[in-house]
Amino acid sequence: MAHATHPNIEDVTLPEVMNAMSDPIRLGLIKLLSDGEERAWGQLDAPVAPSTLSYHLKILRSAGITQTRMEGTRCFVRLRSEDLSARFPGLLDTTVRLATNSDSGLTEIGLKEE
């Protein structure tokens, strides 16, 4: 990925965001990133192949939920919390709270030890 493209927050629609949040892997990534920290892709410990993780991160980025930054050969990802809160007040907080309180089908995503 030479340069990641991100939609303008004004162009992000609720159906796109809700669709991206509907997958347990992506919901687990959102939950992990909800602490506001930027993470290197290599730090994300997901129970999927690296190519599948890349796919899920692309879906989140395309929906306007995350922002990806390149630094040399490394990719970093973070939630667009402020943008999403301005566009859809309470949606991200409610989603993270409900995902934390419910384990029905939610895939646990953690951080790899360095």
N, C-alpha and C. Protein backbone atom coordinates (compact mmCIF):
# COMPACT_ATOMS: atom_id res chain seq x y z
N MET A 1 0.85 -1.16 0.00
CA MET A 1 0.00 0.00 0.00
C MET A 1 0.90 1.23 0.00
N ALA A 2 0.96 1.94 -1.10
CA ALA A 2 1.81 3.11 -1.20
C ALA A 2 1.23 4.26 -0.40
N HIS A 3 -0.06 4.47 -0.52
CA HIS A 3 -0.72 5.56 0.19
C HIS A 3 -2.16 5.16 0.44
N ALA A 4 -2.58 5.16 1.67
CA ALA A 4 -3.95 4.78 2.00
C ALA A 4 -4.88 5.95 1.74
N THR A 5 -6.02 5.67 1.12
CA THR A 5 -7.01 6.71 0.91
C THR A 5 -8.11 6.56 1.94
N HIS A 6 -8.61 7.69 2.39
CA HIS A 6 -9.64 7.71 3.41
C HIS A 6 -10.79 8.60 2.93
N PRO A 7 -12.02 8.18 3.17
CA PRO A 7 -13.14 9.03 2.77
C PRO A 7 -13.23 10.27 3.66
N ASN A 8 -13.70 11.36 3.08
CA ASN A 8 -14.02 12.53 3.90
C ASN A 8 -15.14 12.13 4.84
N ILE A 9 -15.08 12.60 6.06
CA ILE A 9 -16.08 12.20 7.05
C ILE A 9 -17.48 12.61 6.61
N GLU A 10 -17.61 13.68 5.84
CA GLU A 10 -18.92 14.11 5.35
C GLU A 10 -19.52 13.11 4.37
N ASP A 11 -18.67 12.31 3.73
CA ASP A 11 -19.13 11.32 2.75
C ASP A 11 -19.41 9.95 3.37
N VAL A 12 -19.09 9.78 4.63
CA VAL A 12 -19.30 8.51 5.32
C VAL A 12 -20.78 8.38 5.66
N THR A 13 -21.36 7.23 5.30
CA THR A 13 -22.79 7.02 5.57
C THR A 13 -22.98 6.02 6.70
N LEU A 14 -24.10 6.16 7.38
CA LEU A 14 -24.42 5.25 8.48
C LEU A 14 -24.51 3.80 8.01
N PRO A 15 -25.16 3.49 6.88
CA PRO A 15 -25.19 2.09 6.44
C PRO A 15 -23.79 1.51 6.20
N GLU A 16 -22.87 2.29 5.64
CA GLU A 16 -21.50 1.80 5.43
C GLU A 16 -20.82 1.49 6.76
N VAL A 17 -20.98 2.39 7.72
CA VAL A 17 -20.36 2.20 9.03
C VAL A 17 -20.96 0.97 9.73
N MET A 18 -22.28 0.87 9.71
CA MET A 18 -22.93 -0.26 10.38
C MET A 18 -22.55 -1.58 9.71
N ASN A 19 -22.46 -1.59 8.40
CA ASN A 19 -22.05 -2.80 7.69
C ASN A 19 -20.63 -3.21 8.08
N ALA A 20 -19.73 -2.24 8.15
CA ALA A 20 -18.34 -2.54 8.52
C ALA A 20 -18.25 -3.06 9.95
N MET A 21 -19.11 -2.56 10.83
CA MET A 21 -19.09 -2.98 12.23
C MET A 21 -19.76 -4.33 12.46
N SER A 22 -20.40 -4.87 11.44
CA SER A 22 -21.22 -6.07 11.64
C SER A 22 -20.42 -7.38 11.71
N ASP A 23 -19.14 -7.34 11.45
CA ASP A 23 -18.32 -8.55 11.48
C ASP A 23 -17.62 -8.68 12.83
N PRO A 24 -17.59 -9.87 13.42
CA PRO A 24 -16.94 -10.04 14.74
C PRO A 24 -15.46 -9.67 14.76
N ILE A 25 -14.73 -9.95 13.70
CA ILE A 25 -13.30 -9.58 13.67
C ILE A 25 -13.17 -8.07 13.67
N ARG A 26 -13.94 -7.40 12.82
CA ARG A 26 -13.85 -5.94 12.73
C ARG A 26 -14.33 -5.29 14.02
N LEU A 27 -15.36 -5.85 14.62
CA LEU A 27 -15.84 -5.32 15.90
C LEU A 27 -14.77 -5.49 16.98
N GLY A 28 -14.07 -6.61 16.96
CA GLY A 28 -12.96 -6.82 17.90
C GLY A 28 -11.84 -5.81 17.67
N LEU A 29 -11.54 -5.49 16.42
CA LEU A 29 -10.52 -4.48 16.12
C LEU A 29 -10.95 -3.11 16.62
N ILE A 30 -12.22 -2.77 16.41
CA ILE A 30 -12.74 -1.49 16.90
C ILE A 30 -12.62 -1.42 18.41
N LYS A 31 -13.00 -2.49 19.08
CA LYS A 31 -12.92 -2.54 20.54
C LYS A 31 -11.47 -2.35 21.00
N LEU A 32 -10.53 -3.02 20.36
CA LEU A 32 -9.11 -2.90 20.72
C LEU A 32 -8.61 -1.48 20.50
N LEU A 33 -8.97 -0.88 19.38
CA LEU A 33 -8.48 0.46 19.05
C LEU A 33 -9.23 1.58 19.77
N SER A 34 -10.27 1.23 20.50
CA SER A 34 -11.10 2.25 21.15
C SER A 34 -10.39 2.99 22.28
N ASP A 35 -9.21 2.53 22.66
CA ASP A 35 -8.45 3.24 23.70
C ASP A 35 -7.76 4.48 23.14
N GLY A 36 -7.87 4.71 21.83
CA GLY A 36 -7.31 5.91 21.22
C GLY A 36 -5.87 5.77 20.77
N GLU A 37 -5.25 4.65 21.05
CA GLU A 37 -3.85 4.45 20.67
C GLU A 37 -3.74 4.03 19.21
N GLU A 38 -2.70 4.50 18.56
CA GLU A 38 -2.38 4.05 17.22
C GLU A 38 -1.56 2.78 17.34
N ARG A 39 -1.87 1.80 16.50
CA ARG A 39 -1.18 0.52 16.56
C ARG A 39 -0.58 0.16 15.21
N ALA A 40 0.59 -0.47 15.23
CA ALA A 40 1.16 -1.04 14.02
C ALA A 40 0.37 -2.29 13.68
N TRP A 41 0.19 -2.55 12.39
CA TRP A 41 -0.56 -3.74 11.98
C TRP A 41 0.05 -4.99 12.58
N GLY A 42 1.36 -5.05 12.67
CA GLY A 42 2.03 -6.22 13.22
C GLY A 42 1.75 -6.46 14.69
N GLN A 43 1.26 -5.45 15.39
CA GLN A 43 0.93 -5.59 16.81
C GLN A 43 -0.42 -6.26 17.02
N LEU A 44 -1.26 -6.25 16.00
CA LEU A 44 -2.62 -6.75 16.15
C LEU A 44 -2.62 -8.28 16.11
N ASP A 45 -3.11 -8.87 17.18
CA ASP A 45 -3.15 -10.32 17.29
C ASP A 45 -4.58 -10.78 17.04
N ALA A 46 -4.86 -11.13 15.80
CA ALA A 46 -6.20 -11.58 15.41
C ALA A 46 -6.13 -13.04 14.99
N PRO A 47 -7.20 -13.78 15.22
CA PRO A 47 -7.20 -15.21 14.88
C PRO A 47 -7.49 -15.46 13.39
N VAL A 48 -6.81 -14.69 12.54
CA VAL A 48 -6.97 -14.82 11.09
C VAL A 48 -5.60 -14.68 10.43
N ALA A 49 -5.52 -15.09 9.18
CA ALA A 49 -4.28 -14.94 8.42
C ALA A 49 -4.00 -13.46 8.19
N PRO A 50 -2.73 -13.09 8.03
CA PRO A 50 -2.39 -11.69 7.78
C PRO A 50 -3.15 -11.07 6.60
N SER A 51 -3.36 -11.84 5.54
CA SER A 51 -4.09 -11.29 4.39
C SER A 51 -5.55 -11.01 4.75
N THR A 52 -6.14 -11.84 5.61
CA THR A 52 -7.52 -11.62 6.04
C THR A 52 -7.60 -10.42 6.98
N LEU A 53 -6.61 -10.26 7.84
CA LEU A 53 -6.55 -9.09 8.71
C LEU A 53 -6.46 -7.82 7.86
N SER A 54 -5.63 -7.86 6.84
CA SER A 54 -5.48 -6.73 5.94
C SER A 54 -6.82 -6.39 5.28
N TYR A 55 -7.55 -7.41 4.87
CA TYR A 55 -8.87 -7.21 4.27
C TYR A 55 -9.82 -6.50 5.24
N HIS A 56 -9.86 -6.98 6.48
CA HIS A 56 -10.75 -6.38 7.48
C HIS A 56 -10.35 -4.93 7.77
N LEU A 57 -9.07 -4.66 7.84
CA LEU A 57 -8.61 -3.28 8.08
C LEU A 57 -8.97 -2.39 6.89
N LYS A 58 -8.93 -2.94 5.68
CA LYS A 58 -9.32 -2.17 4.50
C LYS A 58 -10.81 -1.81 4.55
N ILE A 59 -11.63 -2.75 4.98
CA ILE A 59 -13.07 -2.50 5.10
C ILE A 59 -13.32 -1.38 6.11
N LEU A 60 -12.65 -1.44 7.25
CA LEU A 60 -12.81 -0.40 8.27
C LEU A 60 -12.35 0.96 7.75
N ARG A 61 -11.24 0.98 7.03
CA ARG A 61 -10.72 2.24 6.47
C ARG A 61 -11.68 2.79 5.42
N SER A 62 -12.16 1.93 4.53
CA SER A 62 -13.06 2.37 3.46
C SER A 62 -14.38 2.90 3.99
N ALA A 63 -14.81 2.38 5.14
CA ALA A 63 -16.06 2.84 5.76
C ALA A 63 -15.86 4.12 6.56
N GLY A 64 -14.60 4.57 6.70
CA GLY A 64 -14.33 5.80 7.43
C GLY A 64 -14.16 5.61 8.92
N ILE A 65 -14.02 4.36 9.36
CA ILE A 65 -13.91 4.07 10.80
C ILE A 65 -12.48 4.20 11.30
N THR A 66 -11.51 3.83 10.48
CA THR A 66 -10.11 3.91 10.88
C THR A 66 -9.32 4.79 9.94
N GLN A 67 -8.16 5.16 10.39
CA GLN A 67 -7.20 5.91 9.58
C GLN A 67 -5.89 5.12 9.58
N THR A 68 -5.32 4.96 8.42
CA THR A 68 -4.06 4.23 8.27
C THR A 68 -2.96 5.20 7.88
N ARG A 69 -1.82 5.02 8.52
CA ARG A 69 -0.66 5.88 8.25
C ARG A 69 0.53 5.00 7.92
N MET A 70 1.24 5.35 6.86
CA MET A 70 2.44 4.63 6.47
C MET A 70 3.67 5.33 7.06
N GLU A 71 4.60 4.53 7.52
CA GLU A 71 5.89 5.05 7.98
C GLU A 71 6.94 4.05 7.51
N GLY A 72 7.61 4.41 6.42
CA GLY A 72 8.54 3.46 5.80
C GLY A 72 7.76 2.27 5.27
N THR A 73 8.12 1.09 5.76
CA THR A 73 7.42 -0.12 5.32
C THR A 73 6.35 -0.56 6.32
N ARG A 74 6.17 0.21 7.38
CA ARG A 74 5.19 -0.16 8.41
C ARG A 74 3.90 0.63 8.25
N CYS A 75 2.80 -0.02 8.59
CA CYS A 75 1.48 0.60 8.56
C CYS A 75 0.97 0.73 9.99
N PHE A 76 0.37 1.86 10.28
CA PHE A 76 -0.21 2.11 11.60
C PHE A 76 -1.68 2.43 11.41
N VAL A 77 -2.49 2.00 12.37
CA VAL A 77 -3.94 2.21 12.27
C VAL A 77 -4.46 2.77 13.59
N ARG A 78 -5.47 3.61 13.48
CA ARG A 78 -6.14 4.16 14.66
C ARG A 78 -7.60 4.40 14.29
N LEU A 79 -8.45 4.48 15.31
CA LEU A 79 -9.85 4.81 15.08
C LEU A 79 -9.98 6.30 14.79
N ARG A 80 -10.92 6.66 13.96
CA ARG A 80 -11.25 8.06 13.71
C ARG A 80 -12.33 8.48 14.70
N SER A 81 -12.04 8.35 15.98
CA SER A 81 -13.02 8.54 17.04
C SER A 81 -13.68 9.92 16.99
N GLU A 82 -12.87 10.96 16.91
CA GLU A 82 -13.42 12.31 16.92
C GLU A 82 -14.29 12.56 15.70
N ASP A 83 -13.82 12.14 14.54
CA ASP A 83 -14.60 12.32 13.31
C ASP A 83 -15.93 11.58 13.39
N LEU A 84 -15.88 10.32 13.84
CA LEU A 84 -17.11 9.52 13.93
C LEU A 84 -18.07 10.07 14.97
N SER A 85 -17.53 10.55 16.09
CA SER A 85 -18.39 11.12 17.13
C SER A 85 -19.07 12.39 16.65
N ALA A 86 -18.37 13.17 15.84
CA ALA A 86 -18.98 14.38 15.29
C ALA A 86 -20.05 14.03 14.25
N ARG A 87 -19.79 13.02 13.45
CA ARG A 87 -20.71 12.62 12.37
C ARG A 87 -21.91 11.84 12.90
N PHE A 88 -21.65 10.90 13.82
CA PHE A 88 -22.70 10.04 14.38
C PHE A 88 -22.55 10.03 15.90
N PRO A 89 -23.05 11.07 16.58
CA PRO A 89 -22.85 11.18 18.04
C PRO A 89 -23.30 9.94 18.80
N GLY A 90 -22.40 9.43 19.62
CA GLY A 90 -22.71 8.30 20.49
C GLY A 90 -22.59 6.92 19.86
N LEU A 91 -22.49 6.85 18.54
CA LEU A 91 -22.48 5.53 17.87
C LEU A 91 -21.27 4.69 18.27
N LEU A 92 -20.09 5.26 18.19
CA LEU A 92 -18.88 4.50 18.49
C LEU A 92 -18.83 4.10 19.96
N ASP A 93 -19.14 5.04 20.86
CA ASP A 93 -19.13 4.74 22.29
C ASP A 93 -20.13 3.64 22.63
N THR A 94 -21.32 3.72 22.07
CA THR A 94 -22.36 2.72 22.33
C THR A 94 -21.93 1.36 21.78
N THR A 95 -21.37 1.36 20.59
CA THR A 95 -20.94 0.10 19.97
C THR A 95 -19.85 -0.57 20.82
N VAL A 96 -18.87 0.20 21.25
CA VAL A 96 -17.78 -0.36 22.06
C VAL A 96 -18.31 -0.85 23.40
N ARG A 97 -19.20 -0.07 24.01
CA ARG A 97 -19.77 -0.48 25.31
C ARG A 97 -20.55 -1.78 25.16
N LEU A 98 -21.38 -1.87 24.14
CA LEU A 98 -22.17 -3.09 23.94
C LEU A 98 -21.28 -4.28 23.58
N ALA A 99 -20.24 -4.04 22.79
CA ALA A 99 -19.31 -5.12 22.43
C ALA A 99 -18.56 -5.61 23.66
N THR A 100 -18.26 -4.71 24.57
CA THR A 100 -17.54 -5.08 25.79
C THR A 100 -18.44 -5.86 26.73
N ASN A 101 -19.72 -5.50 26.78
CA ASN A 101 -20.66 -6.15 27.69
C ASN A 101 -21.25 -7.44 27.15
N SER A 102 -21.04 -7.71 25.87
CA SER A 102 -21.60 -8.90 25.26
C SER A 102 -20.49 -9.67 24.56
N ASP A 103 -20.42 -10.96 24.81
CA ASP A 103 -19.40 -11.76 24.13
C ASP A 103 -20.01 -12.65 23.06
N SER A 104 -21.25 -12.42 22.72
CA SER A 104 -21.93 -13.28 21.74
C SER A 104 -21.32 -13.13 20.35
N GLY A 105 -20.44 -14.05 20.02
CA GLY A 105 -19.85 -14.07 18.70
C GLY A 105 -18.68 -13.12 18.50
N LEU A 106 -18.38 -12.29 19.49
CA LEU A 106 -17.29 -11.32 19.35
C LEU A 106 -15.96 -12.02 19.43
N THR A 107 -15.15 -11.81 18.43
CA THR A 107 -13.82 -12.41 18.39
C THR A 107 -12.87 -11.55 19.20
N GLU A 108 -12.14 -12.18 20.09
CA GLU A 108 -11.16 -11.44 20.89
C GLU A 108 -9.92 -11.13 20.05
N ILE A 109 -9.58 -9.87 20.02
CA ILE A 109 -8.39 -9.41 19.33
C ILE A 109 -7.50 -8.82 20.42
N GLY A 110 -6.24 -9.15 20.38
CA GLY A 110 -5.32 -8.63 21.38
C GLY A 110 -4.11 -8.01 20.73
N LEU A 111 -3.12 -7.78 21.55
CA LEU A 111 -1.86 -7.23 21.06
C LEU A 111 -0.79 -8.29 21.16
N LYS A 112 0.05 -8.37 20.13
CA LYS A 112 1.16 -9.29 20.15
C LYS A 112 2.25 -8.75 21.08
N GLU A 113 2.89 -9.65 21.76
CA GLU A 113 4.03 -9.27 22.60
C GLU A 113 5.19 -8.92 21.69
N GLU A 114 5.91 -7.87 22.01
CA GLU A 114 7.05 -7.50 21.18
C GLU A 114 8.34 -7.97 21.76
